[in-house]
């Protein structure tokens, strides 16, 4: 009786016929911001002809 109940709970696993396709649409955007210190800003403003 114990053997009959154990045989009834059998599980079968099958691989799919078609391959699994995973599409990843990743958009990576990188922004770099430069901030000038107040000294550099003053230097640029006073020497506009150089820059």
Protein backbone atom coordinates (compact mmCIF):
# COMPACT_ATOMS: atom_id res chain seq x y z
CA UNK A 1 0.00 0.00 0.00
CA UNK A 2 2.86 2.38 0.80
CA UNK A 3 4.49 1.70 -2.58
CA UNK A 4 1.27 2.48 -4.48
CA UNK A 5 0.93 5.94 -2.92
CA UNK A 6 4.56 6.84 -3.63
CA UNK A 7 4.30 5.87 -7.32
CA UNK A 8 1.25 8.11 -7.81
CA UNK A 9 3.17 11.31 -7.05
CA UNK A 10 5.65 11.06 -9.95
CA UNK A 11 6.54 14.36 -11.70
CA UNK A 12 7.96 14.60 -15.22
CA UNK A 13 9.83 17.65 -16.52
CA UNK A 14 10.29 18.29 -20.24
CA UNK A 15 12.31 20.93 -22.06
CA UNK A 16 10.33 23.26 -24.36
CA UNK A 17 10.42 22.55 -28.10
CA UNK A 18 11.34 26.12 -29.01
CA UNK A 19 14.31 27.95 -27.44
CA UNK A 20 13.62 30.53 -24.78
CA UNK A 21 14.28 34.07 -26.09
CA UNK A 22 14.95 36.93 -23.69
CA UNK A 23 15.00 40.40 -25.21
CA UNK A 24 16.75 43.10 -23.24
CA UNK A 25 16.37 46.69 -24.36
CA UNK A 26 18.74 48.63 -22.18
CA UNK A 27 19.41 52.32 -22.69
CA UNK A 28 22.36 53.66 -20.75
CA UNK A 29 22.80 57.40 -20.72
CA UNK A 30 25.77 58.96 -19.03
CA UNK A 31 25.96 62.63 -18.29
CA UNK A 32 29.04 64.34 -16.99
CA UNK A 33 28.71 67.80 -15.55
CA UNK A 34 31.62 70.04 -14.79
CA UNK A 35 31.28 72.83 -12.27
CA UNK A 36 33.80 75.61 -12.21
CA UNK A 37 34.89 76.99 -8.91
CA UNK A 38 34.27 80.66 -8.29
CA UNK A 39 37.97 81.44 -8.81
CA UNK A 40 38.00 79.81 -12.23
CA UNK A 41 34.80 81.60 -13.21
CA UNK A 42 36.28 84.95 -12.22
CA UNK A 43 39.48 84.20 -14.16
CA UNK A 44 37.52 83.34 -17.29
CA UNK A 45 35.37 86.46 -17.01
CA UNK A 46 38.38 88.75 -16.61
CA UNK A 47 40.32 87.11 -19.46
CA UNK A 48 37.60 86.57 -22.08
CA UNK A 49 40.04 87.20 -24.95
CA UNK A 50 42.19 84.22 -23.85
CA UNK A 51 39.27 81.82 -23.66
